[in-house]
């Protein structure tokens, strides 16, 4: 039995009464976390769960010293995980969560320990000021921010001891410690490779295509054709100055905002539409068409100069004409 707000209730009763509120809180927190980390965390995914009744009751039973816990002391009834590709993204996601204007927020940095199966990662426990359980008590959310390697190791390590029921002998503890260190080494090397990749000449162009692909799918409601290589974008990249390349996403975004009929125009030149001509319209199926139309509308001379004497010249001219833009001869 436990007492909440002066009433003696069983943990099961409290959980049952609070379950709808916990479910609603999960949706709210998961939505908020996704919005917070999306702009800063690069490639990542977010998932959440409400702690199961059985698991929660067991956690209430003891605090590690054999003492009883109260319902209020359990801060991870609702949990969200943010799994990032790199340590840099993990750091950025954790910082964004911590700096968000929560009603309550506390951060705990997890560190690997030689005696045990602890993993490195960050826990940010938050309350948005609105989520309350059946007893009108705050429903906190524990947000775990990890790299993919840390997440994989946390799952495996949890199973190795059958959720803490088995004490591993020293020989196995040494193996565990070695694996924990290898997880850190793996993350460090991944971070190092990502950093070196950014200095490669093709990286900037690949990022531009990735951005165009996202925007194309948003406009059309479905993805465009997958580029087989960087050939088209390498040519179009020459239509932008160094200063424009640095703010490429801003340029494309403003072009889209200023072109309310853009999605309709592109959709009208898709295969299956009346009058579709492959030699003229195939570029409308590719995300790079956004760069072609932006340059054709805003700086046709740079576009013509970039594609002249290339295999792309004829189709770019026809694509722009189909869009209503006549390029200079």
C-alpha atoms as a PDB file:
ATOM      1  CA  UNK A   1       0.000   0.000   0.000  1.00  0.00           C
ATOM      2  CA  UNK A   2       1.091   3.588  -0.523  1.00  0.00           C
ATOM      3  CA  UNK A   3      -0.406   6.902   0.460  1.00  0.00           C
ATOM      4  CA  UNK A   4      -0.989   9.614  -2.108  1.00  0.00           C
ATOM      5  CA  UNK A   5      -2.658  12.916  -1.273  1.00  0.00           C
ATOM      6  CA  UNK A   6      -3.796  11.516   2.067  1.00  0.00           C
ATOM      7  CA  UNK A   7      -5.642   8.524   0.615  1.00  0.00           C
ATOM      8  CA  UNK A   8      -4.409   4.969   1.155  1.00  0.00           C
ATOM      9  CA  UNK A   9      -4.375   3.285  -2.226  1.00  0.00           C
ATOM     10  CA  UNK A  10      -2.604   0.285  -3.654  1.00  0.00           C
ATOM     11  CA  UNK A  11       0.037   0.933  -6.286  1.00  0.00           C
ATOM     12  CA  UNK A  12      -2.025  -1.063  -8.767  1.00  0.00           C
ATOM     13  CA  UNK A  13      -5.046   1.162  -8.112  1.00  0.00           C
ATOM     14  CA  UNK A  14      -3.012   4.331  -8.591  1.00  0.00           C
ATOM     15  CA  UNK A  15      -1.474   2.974 -11.772  1.00  0.00           C
ATOM     16  CA  UNK A  16      -4.842   1.922 -13.212  1.00  0.00           C
ATOM     17  CA  UNK A  17      -6.422   5.274 -12.412  1.00  0.00           C
ATOM     18  CA  UNK A  18      -3.435   7.170 -13.822  1.00  0.00           C
ATOM     19  CA  UNK A  19      -2.878   5.072 -16.960  1.00  0.00           C
ATOM     20  CA  UNK A  20      -4.954   7.284 -19.309  1.00  0.00           C
ATOM     21  CA  UNK A  21      -3.081  10.349 -18.052  1.00  0.00           C
ATOM     22  CA  UNK A  22       0.263   8.556 -18.469  1.00  0.00           C
ATOM     23  CA  UNK A  23      -0.635   7.592 -22.035  1.00  0.00           C
ATOM     24  CA  UNK A  24      -1.629  11.177 -22.840  1.00  0.00           C
ATOM     25  CA  UNK A  25       1.566  12.468 -21.252  1.00  0.00           C
ATOM     26  CA  UNK A  26       3.639  10.116 -23.389  1.00  0.00           C
ATOM     27  CA  UNK A  27       2.092  11.513 -26.571  1.00  0.00           C
ATOM     28  CA  UNK A  28       2.699  15.091 -25.403  1.00  0.00           C
ATOM     29  CA  UNK A  29       6.293  14.506 -24.340  1.00  0.00           C
ATOM     30  CA  UNK A  30       7.220  12.459 -27.382  1.00  0.00           C
ATOM     31  CA  UNK A  31       5.797  15.159 -29.668  1.00  0.00           C
ATOM     32  CA  UNK A  32       7.669  17.887 -27.795  1.00  0.00           C
ATOM     33  CA  UNK A  33      10.973  16.007 -27.791  1.00  0.00           C
ATOM     34  CA  UNK A  34      10.772  15.340 -31.530  1.00  0.00           C
ATOM     35  CA  UNK A  35      10.210  19.027 -32.222  1.00  0.00           C
ATOM     36  CA  UNK A  36      13.068  20.081 -29.926  1.00  0.00           C
ATOM     37  CA  UNK A  37      15.767  17.739 -31.229  1.00  0.00           C
ATOM     38  CA  UNK A  38      14.889  17.676 -34.934  1.00  0.00           C
ATOM     39  CA  UNK A  39      16.660  20.956 -35.836  1.00  0.00           C
ATOM     40  CA  UNK A  40      19.897  20.078 -34.031  1.00  0.00           C
ATOM     41  CA  UNK A  41      20.430  16.319 -33.883  1.00  0.00           C
ATOM     42  CA  UNK A  42      21.039  15.258 -37.474  1.00  0.00           C
ATOM     43  CA  UNK A  43      20.005  11.664 -38.168  1.00  0.00           C
ATOM     44  CA  UNK A  44      18.201  10.265 -35.132  1.00  0.00           C
ATOM     45  CA  UNK A  45      15.012   8.574 -34.016  1.00  0.00           C
ATOM     46  CA  UNK A  46      12.716   9.058 -31.058  1.00  0.00           C
ATOM     47  CA  UNK A  47      10.636   6.440 -29.254  1.00  0.00           C
ATOM     48  CA  UNK A  48       8.751   6.344 -25.991  1.00  0.00           C
ATOM     49  CA  UNK A  49       6.939   4.114 -23.549  1.00  0.00           C
ATOM     50  CA  UNK A  50       4.822   4.158 -20.418  1.00  0.00           C
ATOM     51  CA  UNK A  51       6.387   1.914 -17.770  1.00  0.00           C
ATOM     52  CA  UNK A  52       4.411  -1.318 -17.428  1.00  0.00           C
ATOM     53  CA  UNK A  53       2.481  -1.892 -14.195  1.00  0.00           C
ATOM     54  CA  UNK A  54       4.577  -4.912 -13.222  1.00  0.00           C
ATOM     55  CA  UNK A  55       7.853  -3.075 -13.776  1.00  0.00           C
ATOM     56  CA  UNK A  56       6.688  -0.003 -11.904  1.00  0.00           C
ATOM     57  CA  UNK A  57       5.419  -1.940  -8.899  1.00  0.00           C
ATOM     58  CA  UNK A  58       8.755  -3.758  -8.645  1.00  0.00           C
ATOM     59  CA  UNK A  59      10.596  -0.450  -8.795  1.00  0.00           C
ATOM     60  CA  UNK A  60       8.399   0.931  -6.018  1.00  0.00           C
ATOM     61  CA  UNK A  61       9.285  -2.031  -3.823  1.00  0.00           C
ATOM     62  CA  UNK A  62      12.862  -0.983  -3.154  1.00  0.00           C
ATOM     63  CA  UNK A  63      15.335   1.780  -3.805  1.00  0.00           C
ATOM     64  CA  UNK A  64      18.479  -0.343  -3.799  1.00  0.00           C
ATOM     65  CA  UNK A  65      18.816  -0.215  -0.012  1.00  0.00           C
ATOM     66  CA  UNK A  66      15.713  -2.242   0.684  1.00  0.00           C
ATOM     67  CA  UNK A  67      13.596   0.821   1.476  1.00  0.00           C
ATOM     68  CA  UNK A  68      10.135   1.392   0.056  1.00  0.00           C
ATOM     69  CA  UNK A  69       9.721   4.058  -2.595  1.00  0.00           C
ATOM     70  CA  UNK A  70       6.693   6.277  -2.980  1.00  0.00           C
ATOM     71  CA  UNK A  71       4.696   6.767  -6.160  1.00  0.00           C
ATOM     72  CA  UNK A  72       5.997  10.337  -6.393  1.00  0.00           C
ATOM     73  CA  UNK A  73       9.637   9.195  -6.325  1.00  0.00           C
ATOM     74  CA  UNK A  74       9.365   7.250  -9.568  1.00  0.00           C
ATOM     75  CA  UNK A  75      10.327   9.805 -12.221  1.00  0.00           C
ATOM     76  CA  UNK A  76      10.415   7.533 -15.265  1.00  0.00           C
ATOM     77  CA  UNK A  77       6.792   6.371 -15.393  1.00  0.00           C
ATOM     78  CA  UNK A  78       6.903   7.983 -18.821  1.00  0.00           C
ATOM     79  CA  UNK A  79      10.125   7.639 -20.782  1.00  0.00           C
ATOM     80  CA  UNK A  80      11.372   8.842 -24.153  1.00  0.00           C
ATOM     81  CA  UNK A  81      14.580   7.818 -25.906  1.00  0.00           C
ATOM     82  CA  UNK A  82      16.507   9.896 -28.407  1.00  0.00           C
ATOM     83  CA  UNK A  83      18.971   7.712 -30.326  1.00  0.00           C
ATOM     84  CA  UNK A  84      21.582   9.648 -32.303  1.00  0.00           C
ATOM     85  CA  UNK A  85      24.182   8.584 -34.840  1.00  0.00           C
ATOM     86  CA  UNK A  86      27.106  10.483 -33.309  1.00  0.00           C
ATOM     87  CA  UNK A  87      28.306  11.797 -29.970  1.00  0.00           C
ATOM     88  CA  UNK A  88      28.106  15.321 -31.379  1.00  0.00           C
ATOM     89  CA  UNK A  89      24.424  14.882 -32.202  1.00  0.00           C
ATOM     90  CA  UNK A  90      23.824  13.395 -28.755  1.00  0.00           C
ATOM     91  CA  UNK A  91      25.452  16.417 -27.153  1.00  0.00           C
ATOM     92  CA  UNK A  92      23.408  18.829 -29.273  1.00  0.00           C
ATOM     93  CA  UNK A  93      20.141  17.000 -28.535  1.00  0.00           C
ATOM     94  CA  UNK A  94      20.794  16.900 -24.788  1.00  0.00           C
ATOM     95  CA  UNK A  95      21.685  20.594 -24.728  1.00  0.00           C
ATOM     96  CA  UNK A  96      18.532  21.535 -26.655  1.00  0.00           C
ATOM     97  CA  UNK A  97      16.370  19.532 -24.254  1.00  0.00           C
ATOM     98  CA  UNK A  98      18.045  21.076 -21.227  1.00  0.00           C
ATOM     99  CA  UNK A  99      17.691  24.616 -22.569  1.00  0.00           C
ATOM    100  CA  UNK A 100      14.027  24.239 -23.502  1.00  0.00           C
ATOM    101  CA  UNK A 101      11.638  26.115 -21.237  1.00  0.00           C
ATOM    102  CA  UNK A 102      10.387  23.200 -19.131  1.00  0.00           C
ATOM    103  CA  UNK A 103       8.581  23.850 -15.869  1.00  0.00           C
ATOM    104  CA  UNK A 104      11.064  21.415 -14.304  1.00  0.00           C
ATOM    105  CA  UNK A 105      14.298  20.051 -15.719  1.00  0.00           C
ATOM    106  CA  UNK A 106      17.271  18.163 -14.321  1.00  0.00           C
ATOM    107  CA  UNK A 107      20.107  16.473 -16.147  1.00  0.00           C
ATOM    108  CA  UNK A 108      22.173  13.435 -15.205  1.00  0.00           C
ATOM    109  CA  UNK A 109      25.240  12.374 -17.166  1.00  0.00           C
ATOM    110  CA  UNK A 110      25.703   8.618 -17.021  1.00  0.00           C
ATOM    111  CA  UNK A 111      29.269   7.307 -16.868  1.00  0.00           C
ATOM    112  CA  UNK A 112      30.594   3.796 -17.401  1.00  0.00           C
ATOM    113  CA  UNK A 113      31.722   2.108 -14.182  1.00  0.00           C
ATOM    114  CA  UNK A 114      34.154  -0.747 -13.975  1.00  0.00           C
ATOM    115  CA  UNK A 115      32.072  -2.462 -11.294  1.00  0.00           C
ATOM    116  CA  UNK A 116      28.794  -2.988 -13.050  1.00  0.00           C
ATOM    117  CA  UNK A 117      27.066  -2.532 -16.373  1.00  0.00           C
ATOM    118  CA  UNK A 118      26.495   1.220 -16.434  1.00  0.00           C
ATOM    119  CA  UNK A 119      26.530   2.819 -19.884  1.00  0.00           C
ATOM    120  CA  UNK A 120      27.405   6.356 -20.877  1.00  0.00           C
ATOM    121  CA  UNK A 121      24.557   8.585 -21.925  1.00  0.00           C
ATOM    122  CA  UNK A 122      22.465  11.501 -20.754  1.00  0.00           C
ATOM    123  CA  UNK A 123      19.180  11.500 -18.849  1.00  0.00           C
ATOM    124  CA  UNK A 124      17.118  14.685 -18.861  1.00  0.00           C
ATOM    125  CA  UNK A 125      14.095  14.467 -16.549  1.00  0.00           C
ATOM    126  CA  UNK A 126      11.467  17.067 -17.390  1.00  0.00           C
ATOM    127  CA  UNK A 127       7.960  18.276 -16.628  1.00  0.00           C
ATOM    128  CA  UNK A 128       6.035  20.533 -18.972  1.00  0.00           C
ATOM    129  CA  UNK A 129       3.863  22.044 -16.254  1.00  0.00           C
ATOM    130  CA  UNK A 130       0.621  20.499 -17.483  1.00  0.00           C
ATOM    131  CA  UNK A 131       0.844  16.696 -17.274  1.00  0.00           C
ATOM    132  CA  UNK A 132      -0.791  15.410 -14.062  1.00  0.00           C
ATOM    133  CA  UNK A 133      -1.778  11.928 -12.878  1.00  0.00           C
ATOM    134  CA  UNK A 134      -5.035  10.835 -11.232  1.00  0.00           C
ATOM    135  CA  UNK A 135      -3.839  12.307  -7.920  1.00  0.00           C
ATOM    136  CA  UNK A 136      -3.043  15.653  -9.561  1.00  0.00           C
ATOM    137  CA  UNK A 137       0.681  15.009  -9.136  1.00  0.00           C
ATOM    138  CA  UNK A 138       3.157  15.983 -11.883  1.00  0.00           C
ATOM    139  CA  UNK A 139       3.912  13.312 -14.461  1.00  0.00           C
ATOM    140  CA  UNK A 140       7.616  13.639 -15.159  1.00  0.00           C
ATOM    141  CA  UNK A 141       9.295  12.260 -18.263  1.00  0.00           C
ATOM    142  CA  UNK A 142      12.796  10.793 -18.312  1.00  0.00           C
ATOM    143  CA  UNK A 143      14.398  11.497 -21.683  1.00  0.00           C
ATOM    144  CA  UNK A 144      17.365   9.214 -22.373  1.00  0.00           C
ATOM    145  CA  UNK A 145      19.750  10.546 -25.004  1.00  0.00           C
ATOM    146  CA  UNK A 146      22.164   7.964 -26.412  1.00  0.00           C
ATOM    147  CA  UNK A 147      24.191   7.082 -29.452  1.00  0.00           C
ATOM    148  CA  UNK A 148      23.206   3.961 -31.355  1.00  0.00           C
ATOM    149  CA  UNK A 149      26.155   2.067 -29.871  1.00  0.00           C
ATOM    150  CA  UNK A 150      25.234   3.111 -26.330  1.00  0.00           C
ATOM    151  CA  UNK A 151      21.640   2.089 -26.897  1.00  0.00           C
ATOM    152  CA  UNK A 152      22.628  -1.325 -28.268  1.00  0.00           C
ATOM    153  CA  UNK A 153      24.971  -1.943 -25.338  1.00  0.00           C
ATOM    154  CA  UNK A 154      22.384  -0.830 -22.768  1.00  0.00           C
ATOM    155  CA  UNK A 155      19.909  -3.402 -24.106  1.00  0.00           C
ATOM    156  CA  UNK A 156      22.473  -6.208 -24.109  1.00  0.00           C
ATOM    157  CA  UNK A 157      23.914  -5.341 -20.694  1.00  0.00           C
ATOM    158  CA  UNK A 158      20.415  -5.254 -19.199  1.00  0.00           C
ATOM    159  CA  UNK A 159      19.806  -8.809 -20.413  1.00  0.00           C
ATOM    160  CA  UNK A 160      23.212 -10.115 -19.263  1.00  0.00           C
ATOM    161  CA  UNK A 161      22.223  -9.822 -15.614  1.00  0.00           C
ATOM    162  CA  UNK A 162      18.544 -10.639 -16.064  1.00  0.00           C
ATOM    163  CA  UNK A 163      17.634  -7.067 -15.019  1.00  0.00           C
ATOM    164  CA  UNK A 164      20.036  -7.051 -12.093  1.00  0.00           C
ATOM    165  CA  UNK A 165      19.148 -10.450 -10.650  1.00  0.00           C
ATOM    166  CA  UNK A 166      22.525 -12.009 -11.503  1.00  0.00           C
ATOM    167  CA  UNK A 167      25.889 -10.871 -10.144  1.00  0.00           C
ATOM    168  CA  UNK A 168      28.505 -11.639 -12.765  1.00  0.00           C
ATOM    169  CA  UNK A 169      31.807 -13.182 -11.592  1.00  0.00           C
ATOM    170  CA  UNK A 170      34.980 -11.110 -11.909  1.00  0.00           C
ATOM    171  CA  UNK A 171      36.074 -12.826 -15.115  1.00  0.00           C
ATOM    172  CA  UNK A 172      32.817 -11.893 -16.867  1.00  0.00           C
ATOM    173  CA  UNK A 173      32.895  -8.427 -15.316  1.00  0.00           C
ATOM    174  CA  UNK A 174      36.233  -7.845 -17.052  1.00  0.00           C
ATOM    175  CA  UNK A 175      34.688  -8.861 -20.375  1.00  0.00           C
ATOM    176  CA  UNK A 176      31.806  -6.469 -19.729  1.00  0.00           C
ATOM    177  CA  UNK A 177      34.192  -3.652 -18.935  1.00  0.00           C
ATOM    178  CA  UNK A 178      36.135  -4.301 -22.147  1.00  0.00           C
ATOM    179  CA  UNK A 179      32.894  -4.184 -24.154  1.00  0.00           C
ATOM    180  CA  UNK A 180      31.904  -0.944 -22.429  1.00  0.00           C
ATOM    181  CA  UNK A 181      35.232   0.601 -23.392  1.00  0.00           C
ATOM    182  CA  UNK A 182      34.864  -0.699 -26.956  1.00  0.00           C
ATOM    183  CA  UNK A 183      31.490   1.044 -27.155  1.00  0.00           C
ATOM    184  CA  UNK A 184      33.191   4.324 -26.290  1.00  0.00           C
ATOM    185  CA  UNK A 185      35.986   3.683 -28.797  1.00  0.00           C
ATOM    186  CA  UNK A 186      33.402   2.864 -31.474  1.00  0.00           C
ATOM    187  CA  UNK A 187      31.551   6.132 -30.834  1.00  0.00           C
ATOM    188  CA  UNK A 188      34.803   8.125 -30.846  1.00  0.00           C
ATOM    189  CA  UNK A 189      35.873   6.617 -34.177  1.00  0.00           C
ATOM    190  CA  UNK A 190      32.433   7.209 -35.705  1.00  0.00           C
ATOM    191  CA  UNK A 191      32.614  10.855 -34.599  1.00  0.00           C
ATOM    192  CA  UNK A 192      36.107  11.146 -36.071  1.00  0.00           C
ATOM    193  CA  UNK A 193      34.980   9.695 -39.422  1.00  0.00           C
ATOM    194  CA  UNK A 194      31.970  12.009 -39.611  1.00  0.00           C
ATOM    195  CA  UNK A 195      34.211  14.985 -38.941  1.00  0.00           C
ATOM    196  CA  UNK A 196      36.696  13.959 -41.638  1.00  0.00           C
ATOM    197  CA  UNK A 197      33.877  13.288 -44.081  1.00  0.00           C
ATOM    198  CA  UNK A 198      32.789  16.912 -43.802  1.00  0.00           C
ATOM    199  CA  UNK A 199      36.094  18.017 -45.337  1.00  0.00           C
ATOM    200  CA  UNK A 200      35.563  15.891 -48.472  1.00  0.00           C
ATOM    201  CA  UNK A 201      34.715  17.931 -51.601  1.00  0.00           C
ATOM    202  CA  UNK A 202      31.621  15.810 -52.329  1.00  0.00           C
ATOM    203  CA  UNK A 203      30.139  16.289 -48.866  1.00  0.00           C
ATOM    204  CA  UNK A 204      28.742  19.767 -49.524  1.00  0.00           C
ATOM    205  CA  UNK A 205      27.075  18.648 -52.752  1.00  0.00           C
ATOM    206  CA  UNK A 206      25.638  15.515 -51.116  1.00  0.00           C
ATOM    207  CA  UNK A 207      24.149  17.640 -48.325  1.00  0.00           C
ATOM    208  CA  UNK A 208      22.560  19.899 -50.948  1.00  0.00           C
ATOM    209  CA  UNK A 209      20.898  16.904 -52.621  1.00  0.00           C
ATOM    210  CA  UNK A 210      19.699  15.622 -49.253  1.00  0.00           C
ATOM    211  CA  UNK A 211      18.072  18.977 -48.563  1.00  0.00           C
ATOM    212  CA  UNK A 212      16.451  19.100 -52.010  1.00  0.00           C
ATOM    213  CA  UNK A 213      15.158  15.567 -51.528  1.00  0.00           C
ATOM    214  CA  UNK A 214      13.455  16.519 -48.236  1.00  0.00           C
ATOM    215  CA  UNK A 215      11.900  19.619 -49.762  1.00  0.00           C
ATOM    216  CA  UNK A 216      10.746  17.748 -52.855  1.00  0.00           C
ATOM    217  CA  UNK A 217       8.992  15.107 -50.769  1.00  0.00           C
ATOM    218  CA  UNK A 218       7.328  17.815 -48.657  1.00  0.00           C
ATOM    219  CA  UNK A 219       6.065  19.584 -51.777  1.00  0.00           C
ATOM    220  CA  UNK A 220       4.835  16.526 -53.664  1.00  0.00           C
ATOM    221  CA  UNK A 221       3.824  14.335 -50.748  1.00  0.00           C
ATOM    222  CA  UNK A 222       6.060  11.564 -52.081  1.00  0.00           C
ATOM    223  CA  UNK A 223       9.807  11.208 -52.697  1.00  0.00           C
ATOM    224  CA  UNK A 224      11.425  12.001 -56.000  1.00  0.00           C
ATOM    225  CA  UNK A 225      13.761   9.754 -57.924  1.00  0.00           C
ATOM    226  CA  UNK A 226      16.862   8.677 -56.044  1.00  0.00           C
ATOM    227  CA  UNK A 227      19.977  10.204 -57.639  1.00  0.00           C
ATOM    228  CA  UNK A 228      22.408   7.486 -58.734  1.00  0.00           C
ATOM    229  CA  UNK A 229      25.359   9.842 -58.319  1.00  0.00           C
ATOM    230  CA  UNK A 230      26.297  13.473 -57.792  1.00  0.00           C
ATOM    231  CA  UNK A 231      26.761  14.249 -61.501  1.00  0.00           C
ATOM    232  CA  UNK A 232      23.694  16.456 -61.969  1.00  0.00           C
ATOM    233  CA  UNK A 233      24.159  18.334 -58.708  1.00  0.00           C
ATOM    234  CA  UNK A 234      27.874  18.806 -59.361  1.00  0.00           C
ATOM    235  CA  UNK A 235      26.961  20.642 -62.571  1.00  0.00           C
ATOM    236  CA  UNK A 236      24.191  22.694 -60.955  1.00  0.00           C
ATOM    237  CA  UNK A 237      26.468  23.563 -58.035  1.00  0.00           C
ATOM    238  CA  UNK A 238      28.473  25.696 -60.461  1.00  0.00           C
ATOM    239  CA  UNK A 239      25.410  27.911 -60.864  1.00  0.00           C
ATOM    240  CA  UNK A 240      25.878  29.119 -57.282  1.00  0.00           C
ATOM    241  CA  UNK A 241      28.594  31.377 -55.942  1.00  0.00           C
ATOM    242  CA  UNK A 242      30.578  30.331 -52.878  1.00  0.00           C
ATOM    243  CA  UNK A 243      28.496  32.702 -50.764  1.00  0.00           C
ATOM    244  CA  UNK A 244      25.263  31.246 -52.153  1.00  0.00           C
ATOM    245  CA  UNK A 245      26.422  27.687 -51.508  1.00  0.00           C
ATOM    246  CA  UNK A 246      26.896  28.537 -47.847  1.00  0.00           C
ATOM    247  CA  UNK A 247      23.236  29.513 -47.584  1.00  0.00           C
ATOM    248  CA  UNK A 248      21.844  27.101 -50.178  1.00  0.00           C
ATOM    249  CA  UNK A 249      19.023  25.800 -47.964  1.00  0.00           C
ATOM    250  CA  UNK A 250      17.913  29.361 -47.234  1.00  0.00           C
ATOM    251  CA  UNK A 251      17.853  30.201 -50.952  1.00  0.00           C
ATOM    252  CA  UNK A 252      15.803  27.131 -51.882  1.00  0.00           C
ATOM    253  CA  UNK A 253      13.416  27.635 -48.965  1.00  0.00           C
ATOM    254  CA  UNK A 254      12.730  31.244 -49.921  1.00  0.00           C
ATOM    255  CA  UNK A 255      12.185  30.232 -53.574  1.00  0.00           C
ATOM    256  CA  UNK A 256       9.611  27.653 -52.497  1.00  0.00           C
ATOM    257  CA  UNK A 257       7.873  30.185 -50.243  1.00  0.00           C
ATOM    258  CA  UNK A 258       7.680  32.673 -53.109  1.00  0.00           C
ATOM    259  CA  UNK A 259       6.319  30.084 -55.586  1.00  0.00           C
ATOM    260  CA  UNK A 260       2.838  29.051 -54.395  1.00  0.00           C
ATOM    261  CA  UNK A 261       2.092  27.028 -57.539  1.00  0.00           C
ATOM    262  CA  UNK A 262       5.430  25.196 -57.561  1.00  0.00           C
ATOM    263  CA  UNK A 263       4.111  21.863 -56.281  1.00  0.00           C
ATOM    264  CA  UNK A 264       1.243  21.941 -58.790  1.00  0.00           C
ATOM    265  CA  UNK A 265       3.580  22.739 -61.656  1.00  0.00           C
ATOM    266  CA  UNK A 266       5.946  19.903 -60.766  1.00  0.00           C
ATOM    267  CA  UNK A 267       3.029  17.490 -60.274  1.00  0.00           C
ATOM    268  CA  UNK A 268       1.685  18.360 -63.744  1.00  0.00           C
ATOM    269  CA  UNK A 269       4.918  17.099 -65.315  1.00  0.00           C
ATOM    270  CA  UNK A 270       5.013  13.697 -63.640  1.00  0.00           C
ATOM    271  CA  UNK A 271       4.819  10.433 -65.640  1.00  0.00           C
ATOM    272  CA  UNK A 272       1.221   9.516 -66.355  1.00  0.00           C
ATOM    273  CA  UNK A 273       0.094  13.117 -66.733  1.00  0.00           C
ATOM    274  CA  UNK A 274      -1.404  14.184 -70.068  1.00  0.00           C
ATOM    275  CA  UNK A 275       1.306  15.500 -72.354  1.00  0.00           C
ATOM    276  CA  UNK A 276       4.228  14.051 -70.393  1.00  0.00           C
ATOM    277  CA  UNK A 277       7.329  13.882 -72.585  1.00  0.00           C
ATOM    278  CA  UNK A 278      10.266  12.009 -71.114  1.00  0.00           C
ATOM    279  CA  UNK A 279      12.964  14.014 -72.911  1.00  0.00           C
ATOM    280  CA  UNK A 280      11.523  17.244 -71.520  1.00  0.00           C
ATOM    281  CA  UNK A 281       9.883  16.310 -68.247  1.00  0.00           C
ATOM    282  CA  UNK A 282      12.025  13.614 -66.591  1.00  0.00           C
ATOM    283  CA  UNK A 283      13.929  16.205 -64.575  1.00  0.00           C
ATOM    284  CA  UNK A 284      10.658  17.158 -62.848  1.00  0.00           C
ATOM    285  CA  UNK A 285      10.776  13.729 -61.181  1.00  0.00           C
ATOM    286  CA  UNK A 286      14.164  14.480 -59.583  1.00  0.00           C
ATOM    287  CA  UNK A 287      14.785  16.616 -56.465  1.00  0.00           C
ATOM    288  CA  UNK A 288      17.470  18.579 -58.359  1.00  0.00           C
ATOM    289  CA  UNK A 289      14.673  20.216 -60.357  1.00  0.00           C
ATOM    290  CA  UNK A 290      14.186  22.625 -57.446  1.00  0.00           C
ATOM    291  CA  UNK A 291      17.680  24.009 -57.977  1.00  0.00           C
ATOM    292  CA  UNK A 292      17.133  24.186 -61.748  1.00  0.00           C
ATOM    293  CA  UNK A 293      13.890  26.151 -61.382  1.00  0.00           C
ATOM    294  CA  UNK A 294      15.314  28.409 -58.671  1.00  0.00           C
ATOM    295  CA  UNK A 295      18.303  29.356 -60.821  1.00  0.00           C
ATOM    296  CA  UNK A 296      16.220  29.592 -63.968  1.00  0.00           C
ATOM    297  CA  UNK A 297      13.879  32.020 -62.246  1.00  0.00           C
ATOM    298  CA  UNK A 298      16.400  34.064 -60.270  1.00  0.00           C
ATOM    299  CA  UNK A 299      19.740  33.843 -62.072  1.00  0.00           C
ATOM    300  CA  UNK A 300      19.316  32.331 -65.500  1.00  0.00           C
ATOM    301  CA  UNK A 301      22.746  33.487 -66.685  1.00  0.00           C
ATOM    302  CA  UNK A 302      24.512  31.525 -63.932  1.00  0.00           C
ATOM    303  CA  UNK A 303      22.403  28.472 -64.803  1.00  0.00           C
ATOM    304  CA  UNK A 304      23.165  28.690 -68.520  1.00  0.00           C
ATOM    305  CA  UNK A 305      26.864  29.126 -67.826  1.00  0.00           C
ATOM    306  CA  UNK A 306      26.902  26.106 -65.489  1.00  0.00           C
ATOM    307  CA  UNK A 307      25.184  23.688 -67.896  1.00  0.00           C
ATOM    308  CA  UNK A 308      26.649  24.891 -71.178  1.00  0.00           C
ATOM    309  CA  UNK A 309      28.711  22.245 -72.973  1.00  0.00           C
ATOM    310  CA  UNK A 310      27.296  19.497 -70.731  1.00  0.00           C
ATOM    311  CA  UNK A 311      24.784  16.717 -71.384  1.00  0.00           C
ATOM    312  CA  UNK A 312      22.404  18.562 -69.071  1.00  0.00           C
ATOM    313  CA  UNK A 313      22.086  21.712 -71.199  1.00  0.00           C
ATOM    314  CA  UNK A 314      19.214  20.584 -73.434  1.00  0.00           C
ATOM    315  CA  UNK A 315      17.003  19.093 -70.727  1.00  0.00           C
ATOM    316  CA  UNK A 316      17.542  22.099 -68.420  1.00  0.00           C
ATOM    317  CA  UNK A 317      16.444  24.423 -71.218  1.00  0.00           C
ATOM    318  CA  UNK A 318      13.338  22.296 -71.882  1.00  0.00           C
ATOM    319  CA  UNK A 319      12.520  21.936 -68.180  1.00  0.00           C
ATOM    320  CA  UNK A 320      12.668  25.691 -67.628  1.00  0.00           C
ATOM    321  CA  UNK A 321      10.549  26.295 -70.736  1.00  0.00           C
ATOM    322  CA  UNK A 322       7.931  23.832 -69.444  1.00  0.00           C
ATOM    323  CA  UNK A 323       7.902  25.820 -66.200  1.00  0.00           C
ATOM    324  CA  UNK A 324       7.410  29.057 -68.167  1.00  0.00           C
ATOM    325  CA  UNK A 325      10.982  30.354 -68.039  1.00  0.00           C
ATOM    326  CA  UNK A 326      12.876  30.997 -71.284  1.00  0.00           C
ATOM    327  CA  UNK A 327      16.607  30.798 -70.813  1.00  0.00           C
ATOM    328  CA  UNK A 328      18.904  33.077 -72.847  1.00  0.00           C
ATOM    329  CA  UNK A 329      20.373  31.382 -75.913  1.00  0.00           C
END
